[in-house]
Amino acid sequence: MNSTAFDALLWTALLVGFAALPIFGGDYLVGIGLAAAMWLALTQSWSVLSSLTGYVSLGHTVFYGLGSYVVVVTWQQTPLAIALLGAGAASAAFALLVGLPVMRVRGPYFVILTFGLAELVKYSVLALEAEMGVSSRLLFGAPDIRVIYGLMVALAVAATALRILVDVLPFGHGLRSLRENEEAAETVGVPVARYKLFAFVLSAIVPGMVGGVMAMRSTFFEPIQAFDPTISVNIILMAVIGGGESARGPLLGVLFLVILSEWLWAKAPQAYMIILGLLLIVFVLKFPRGLAGWLADWQRARR
C-alpha cells in the first residue's frame, strides 16, 4: 500500500471512529474522544507554523487562553457561533498585532519570547479580572458533552484540512524553504516576513476557538488554568512524537499520547510526568523523525 492510499485509509477510519463514538460510546469514551480531537486541532495548528518553518513556539497557550476568555466574557450575551468565531478572530488579531516583532527573532530566543508573551498575557488578564473584582467565572447552561464533542471534532477536521492545504500550496513550500535557509529563501524571492506573519496568524485561529469550546466543557474559567503553559508543552510533545513532514505526524502523536496518558493516569498517576519526560528523550534520541518517520521507513522497506 502506497503512502497516499494509507493516508486516505487512515483519515477515513479516523472520521468514522469520531462519528461513531457518540452513538456507541458512553460519556467516558466521548470524553477521551473530545481530548483527542482537542489535541489534534491544537497540534495541527501549531505545526502550520513550527513544523514547517522551524520556529518552535512555546506560547500557543496564549491563543487558547484568549479564545477561552472571549467566550466566557460573552457567554449568554451573544450566540454561541458568534462567540466562537470571535474567539478565533481575537486570537488571530493578537497574532497579527505581535507577529512582526515576535517573528524577527529565531532559535531559542523565539522559544523564550513566545513563552514570555504567553505569561505576560496571562498575568495581564489576572490583573484585569482583579481590577473588576472577579476571581473566577462560572458558565451556566453549557451544552451537552456530545454537542461540545461535535464542535471539537469539526475544529480538528478544519485544522487538519488547513495543514494538508498548506502542505500542497506554494505557500507551504515557501515556509519549508525558510526552515532550510531563510537568507537563501529571501534571496530567491520568497517574501519571508509576510510568509512568517501569515503562518503565525493562521496557526492562532483554531487554538482560539478550541479554547472557547473547552471553556464550555469545564464550565469554569480561571486565567491560571486557561493560560497553563503545559498546554504548549503537550502540543510540542505530541508533535515531536508524531514527527513527519505531513498531517499524518501530529495525528499519530496525538493518538499515541492520548491512549498512553489514559493508561498512565489509571496505572501510575504519580509517575505520569516522569514517564512522559523519559519518553520524549527516547523519541528525540532514537526516533528523531517520530512515529510518522518510522512508519514511512517501514512502508518503504515492505515495498
Protein backbone atom coordinates (compact mmCIF):
# COMPACT_ATOMS: atom_id res chain seq x y z
CA MET A 1 0.00 0.00 0.00
CA ASN A 2 1.50 3.35 -1.01
CA SER A 3 1.63 6.39 1.26
CA THR A 4 -1.33 8.18 -0.35
CA ALA A 5 -3.62 5.16 -0.04
CA PHE A 6 -2.52 4.60 3.55
CA ASP A 7 -3.25 8.23 4.46
CA ALA A 8 -6.68 8.05 2.82
CA LEU A 9 -7.47 4.88 4.77
CA LEU A 10 -6.16 6.42 7.99
CA TRP A 11 -8.21 9.62 7.71
CA THR A 12 -11.34 7.70 6.68
CA ALA A 13 -11.01 5.37 9.67
CA LEU A 14 -10.50 8.35 11.96
CA LEU A 15 -13.60 10.16 10.69
CA VAL A 16 -15.71 7.00 11.02
CA GLY A 17 -14.40 6.50 14.55
CA PHE A 18 -15.13 10.09 15.56
CA ALA A 19 -18.64 9.86 14.06
CA ALA A 20 -19.45 6.53 15.73
CA LEU A 21 -18.10 7.38 19.19
CA PRO A 22 -21.04 9.48 20.49
CA ILE A 23 -23.51 6.90 19.12
CA PHE A 24 -21.98 3.74 20.57
CA GLY A 25 -19.77 5.08 23.37
CA GLY A 26 -20.63 6.33 26.84
CA ASP A 27 -19.67 9.68 28.33
CA TYR A 28 -16.23 8.40 29.36
CA LEU A 29 -15.30 7.37 25.81
CA VAL A 30 -16.76 10.58 24.43
CA GLY A 31 -14.56 12.47 26.90
CA ILE A 32 -11.47 10.63 25.60
CA GLY A 33 -12.54 11.38 22.03
CA LEU A 34 -13.01 15.02 22.96
CA ALA A 35 -9.47 15.17 24.37
CA ALA A 36 -8.07 13.51 21.24
CA ALA A 37 -9.92 15.94 18.95
CA MET A 38 -8.75 18.91 21.04
CA TRP A 39 -5.09 17.92 20.92
CA LEU A 40 -5.33 17.08 17.23
CA ALA A 41 -6.73 20.54 16.45
CA LEU A 42 -4.05 22.25 18.57
CA THR A 43 -1.13 20.18 17.25
CA GLN A 44 -2.11 20.50 13.59
CA SER A 45 -2.47 24.28 14.01
CA TRP A 46 0.89 24.53 15.79
CA SER A 47 2.54 22.51 13.03
CA VAL A 48 1.45 25.03 10.38
CA LEU A 49 3.93 27.44 11.95
CA SER A 50 6.51 25.44 13.85
CA SER A 51 6.88 22.21 11.86
CA LEU A 52 7.02 23.97 8.51
CA THR A 53 9.17 26.99 9.41
CA GLY A 54 11.26 25.56 12.26
CA TYR A 55 10.16 28.41 14.57
CA VAL A 56 9.25 26.37 17.67
CA SER A 57 6.54 28.20 19.58
CA LEU A 58 6.19 27.61 23.31
CA GLY A 59 3.41 30.16 23.60
CA HIS A 60 0.43 28.74 21.71
CA THR A 61 -1.41 28.54 25.01
CA VAL A 62 -1.88 32.30 24.70
CA PHE A 63 -4.29 31.80 21.79
CA TYR A 64 -6.11 29.03 23.64
CA GLY A 65 -6.49 31.26 26.70
CA LEU A 66 -7.60 34.33 24.75
CA GLY A 67 -10.27 32.33 22.95
CA SER A 68 -11.48 30.88 26.24
CA TYR A 69 -11.67 34.35 27.75
CA VAL A 70 -13.64 35.77 24.83
CA VAL A 71 -16.28 33.03 25.07
CA VAL A 72 -16.54 33.38 28.85
CA VAL A 73 -16.93 37.17 28.74
CA THR A 74 -19.60 36.99 26.02
CA TRP A 75 -21.35 33.92 27.45
CA GLN A 76 -25.17 34.08 27.05
CA GLN A 77 -24.85 37.60 25.65
CA THR A 78 -24.09 36.60 22.06
CA PRO A 79 -24.97 33.47 20.04
CA LEU A 80 -22.52 30.63 20.53
CA ALA A 81 -21.45 30.58 16.87
CA ILE A 82 -20.63 34.30 17.01
CA ALA A 83 -18.73 33.86 20.28
CA LEU A 84 -16.58 31.06 18.85
CA LEU A 85 -15.87 33.00 15.67
CA GLY A 86 -14.99 35.97 17.87
CA ALA A 87 -12.60 33.77 19.85
CA GLY A 88 -10.79 32.76 16.67
CA ALA A 89 -10.78 36.34 15.39
CA ALA A 90 -9.41 37.70 18.68
CA SER A 91 -6.56 35.19 18.65
CA ALA A 92 -5.78 35.98 15.00
CA ALA A 93 -5.86 39.73 15.71
CA PHE A 94 -3.48 39.30 18.64
CA ALA A 95 -1.13 37.20 16.48
CA LEU A 96 -1.24 39.88 13.78
CA LEU A 97 -0.51 42.59 16.35
CA VAL A 98 2.55 40.93 17.89
CA GLY A 99 3.61 38.86 14.89
CA LEU A 100 6.07 41.21 13.22
CA PRO A 101 8.26 41.87 16.28
CA VAL A 102 7.97 38.30 17.55
CA MET A 103 8.92 36.70 14.23
CA ARG A 104 12.07 38.80 13.97
CA VAL A 105 13.92 36.56 16.44
CA ARG A 106 14.96 32.95 15.86
CA GLY A 107 16.05 29.79 17.59
CA PRO A 108 15.99 29.65 21.40
CA TYR A 109 15.23 33.37 21.57
CA PHE A 110 11.96 32.78 19.73
CA VAL A 111 11.07 29.93 22.12
CA ILE A 112 11.74 32.11 25.17
CA LEU A 113 9.92 35.09 23.68
CA THR A 114 6.75 33.14 22.89
CA PHE A 115 6.73 31.63 26.38
CA GLY A 116 7.22 35.06 27.95
CA LEU A 117 4.46 36.53 25.79
CA ALA A 118 2.00 33.88 26.98
CA GLU A 119 2.92 34.58 30.62
CA LEU A 120 2.57 38.33 30.06
CA VAL A 121 -0.94 37.94 28.67
CA LYS A 122 -1.90 35.52 31.47
CA TYR A 123 -0.93 37.94 34.21
CA SER A 124 -2.47 40.85 32.31
CA VAL A 125 -5.81 39.00 32.29
CA LEU A 126 -5.34 38.21 36.01
CA ALA A 127 -4.75 41.89 36.72
CA LEU A 128 -7.77 42.89 34.63
CA GLU A 129 -10.01 40.40 36.43
CA ALA A 130 -8.72 41.61 39.82
CA GLU A 131 -9.42 45.20 38.80
CA MET A 132 -13.02 44.22 38.01
CA GLY A 133 -13.29 42.33 41.29
CA VAL A 134 -13.62 38.93 39.61
CA SER A 135 -11.53 35.98 40.76
CA SER A 136 -13.10 33.30 38.54
CA ARG A 137 -16.11 32.85 36.27
CA LEU A 138 -18.74 30.12 36.06
CA LEU A 139 -20.62 29.21 32.88
CA PHE A 140 -24.22 28.18 33.42
CA GLY A 141 -26.26 26.40 30.77
CA ALA A 142 -23.33 24.88 28.88
CA PRO A 143 -24.24 22.46 26.05
CA ASP A 144 -24.25 18.69 26.47
CA ILE A 145 -20.88 16.96 26.13
CA ARG A 146 -21.90 15.47 22.78
CA VAL A 147 -22.54 18.94 21.37
CA ILE A 148 -19.14 20.09 22.63
CA TYR A 149 -17.61 16.93 21.18
CA GLY A 150 -19.15 17.66 17.76
CA LEU A 151 -17.77 21.21 17.79
CA MET A 152 -14.31 19.98 18.72
CA VAL A 153 -14.27 17.30 16.01
CA ALA A 154 -15.24 19.97 13.49
CA LEU A 155 -12.28 22.09 14.64
CA ALA A 156 -9.95 19.08 14.43
CA VAL A 157 -11.11 18.43 10.86
CA ALA A 158 -10.67 22.12 9.98
CA ALA A 159 -7.14 22.23 11.44
CA THR A 160 -6.15 19.04 9.62
CA ALA A 161 -7.60 20.30 6.33
CA LEU A 162 -5.69 23.57 6.79
CA ARG A 163 -2.42 21.70 7.36
CA ILE A 164 -2.97 19.49 4.30
CA LEU A 165 -3.88 22.52 2.17
CA VAL A 166 -0.79 24.46 3.29
CA ASP A 167 1.35 21.40 2.52
CA VAL A 168 0.37 21.38 -1.17
CA LEU A 169 0.29 25.13 -1.80
CA PRO A 170 3.33 27.18 -2.91
CA PHE A 171 2.93 28.96 0.43
CA GLY A 172 3.80 25.70 2.22
CA HIS A 173 6.86 25.14 0.04
CA GLY A 174 7.93 28.70 0.83
CA LEU A 175 7.61 28.04 4.56
CA ARG A 176 9.80 24.94 4.23
CA SER A 177 12.42 26.99 2.42
CA LEU A 178 12.54 29.31 5.43
CA ARG A 179 13.22 26.33 7.67
CA GLU A 180 16.12 25.18 5.49
CA ASN A 181 17.78 28.55 4.90
CA GLU A 182 15.93 31.79 5.48
CA GLU A 183 18.56 34.03 3.85
CA ALA A 184 18.69 31.88 0.72
CA ALA A 185 14.88 31.83 0.50
CA GLU A 186 14.78 35.62 0.66
CA THR A 187 17.47 35.83 -1.99
CA VAL A 188 15.41 33.80 -4.47
CA GLY A 189 12.32 35.96 -3.91
CA VAL A 190 10.36 34.34 -1.07
CA PRO A 191 8.56 37.12 0.88
CA VAL A 192 9.98 35.96 4.21
CA ALA A 193 8.38 38.49 6.57
CA ARG A 194 4.92 38.16 5.02
CA TYR A 195 5.04 34.35 4.96
CA LYS A 196 6.13 34.12 8.59
CA LEU A 197 3.45 36.54 9.75
CA PHE A 198 0.73 34.80 7.76
CA ALA A 199 1.74 31.38 9.16
CA PHE A 200 1.72 32.82 12.69
CA VAL A 201 -1.79 34.22 12.23
CA LEU A 202 -3.09 31.04 10.59
CA SER A 203 -1.77 28.92 13.45
CA ALA A 204 -3.62 31.09 16.00
CA ILE A 205 -7.20 30.88 14.71
CA VAL A 206 -8.15 27.30 15.59
CA PRO A 207 -6.49 27.31 19.05
CA GLY A 208 -8.59 30.35 19.97
CA MET A 209 -11.78 28.52 19.02
CA VAL A 210 -10.59 25.36 20.79
CA GLY A 211 -10.10 27.39 23.98
CA GLY A 212 -13.65 28.69 23.65
CA VAL A 213 -15.09 25.20 23.28
CA MET A 214 -13.10 23.86 26.22
CA ALA A 215 -14.34 26.72 28.40
CA MET A 216 -17.83 25.31 27.89
CA ARG A 217 -16.54 21.84 28.74
CA SER A 218 -15.04 22.92 32.08
CA THR A 219 -17.90 25.44 32.78
CA PHE A 220 -15.28 27.34 34.78
CA PHE A 221 -12.73 29.96 33.79
CA GLU A 222 -9.60 30.86 35.68
CA PRO A 223 -6.64 32.54 33.90
CA ILE A 224 -4.07 30.26 35.55
CA GLN A 225 -5.86 27.24 34.10
CA ALA A 226 -6.71 28.73 30.69
CA PHE A 227 -3.16 30.00 30.06
CA ASP A 228 -1.47 26.91 31.51
CA PRO A 229 1.98 26.55 29.87
CA THR A 230 1.70 22.75 29.99
CA ILE A 231 -0.76 23.07 27.09
CA SER A 232 2.07 24.32 24.87
CA VAL A 233 4.42 21.67 26.25
CA ASN A 234 1.95 18.88 25.45
CA ILE A 235 1.47 20.22 21.91
CA ILE A 236 5.24 20.10 21.30
CA LEU A 237 5.47 16.65 22.89
CA MET A 238 2.79 15.26 20.56
CA ALA A 239 4.36 16.92 17.53
CA VAL A 240 7.81 15.52 18.34
CA ILE A 241 6.49 12.01 18.99
CA GLY A 242 4.41 12.13 15.80
CA GLY A 243 7.15 13.69 13.69
CA GLY A 244 6.98 13.52 9.92
CA GLU A 245 6.54 16.12 7.23
CA SER A 246 2.77 15.91 6.83
CA ALA A 247 -0.51 16.00 8.75
CA ARG A 248 -0.06 12.29 9.49
CA GLY A 249 2.60 13.03 12.12
CA PRO A 250 0.50 15.09 14.55
CA LEU A 251 -2.32 12.54 14.27
CA LEU A 252 -0.04 9.63 15.21
CA GLY A 253 1.50 11.62 18.06
CA VAL A 254 -1.90 12.62 19.45
CA LEU A 255 -3.38 9.12 19.29
CA PHE A 256 -0.28 7.58 20.85
CA LEU A 257 -0.05 10.09 23.70
CA VAL A 258 -3.78 10.29 24.49
CA ILE A 259 -4.03 6.49 24.78
CA LEU A 260 -0.80 6.32 26.79
CA SER A 261 -1.93 9.15 29.08
CA GLU A 262 -5.20 7.42 29.89
CA TRP A 263 -3.31 4.25 30.74
CA LEU A 264 -0.72 6.07 32.84
CA TRP A 265 -3.32 8.05 34.80
CA ALA A 266 -5.02 4.75 35.63
CA LYS A 267 -1.88 2.73 36.40
CA ALA A 268 0.82 5.17 37.52
CA PRO A 269 -0.52 8.68 38.19
CA GLN A 270 2.44 9.61 40.42
CA ALA A 271 4.97 8.78 37.70
CA TYR A 272 2.97 10.30 34.84
CA MET A 273 5.20 13.30 34.07
CA ILE A 274 8.42 11.34 34.69
CA ILE A 275 7.43 8.70 32.15
CA LEU A 276 6.39 11.32 29.60
CA GLY A 277 9.72 13.12 30.04
CA LEU A 278 11.67 9.91 29.52
CA LEU A 279 9.52 9.11 26.51
CA LEU A 280 10.33 12.47 24.91
CA ILE A 281 14.07 11.89 25.45
CA VAL A 282 13.83 8.45 23.84
CA PHE A 283 12.00 9.78 20.78
CA VAL A 284 14.40 12.70 20.33
CA LEU A 285 17.46 10.43 20.54
CA LYS A 286 16.25 7.21 18.90
CA PHE A 287 13.39 8.30 16.63
CA PRO A 288 14.20 11.88 15.53
CA ARG A 289 11.64 11.63 12.72
CA GLY A 290 8.94 10.41 15.11
CA LEU A 291 6.28 7.77 14.55
CA ALA A 292 5.49 9.08 11.09
CA GLY A 293 9.13 8.75 10.03
CA TRP A 294 9.37 5.24 11.47
CA LEU A 295 6.13 4.27 9.69
CA ALA A 296 7.39 5.68 6.38
CA ASP A 297 10.62 3.69 6.71
CA TRP A 298 8.61 0.54 7.46
CA GLN A 299 6.37 1.08 4.42
CA ARG A 300 9.43 1.69 2.23
CA ALA A 301 11.08 -1.50 3.49
CA ARG A 302 7.95 -3.53 2.74
CA ARG A 303 7.76 -2.18 -0.80
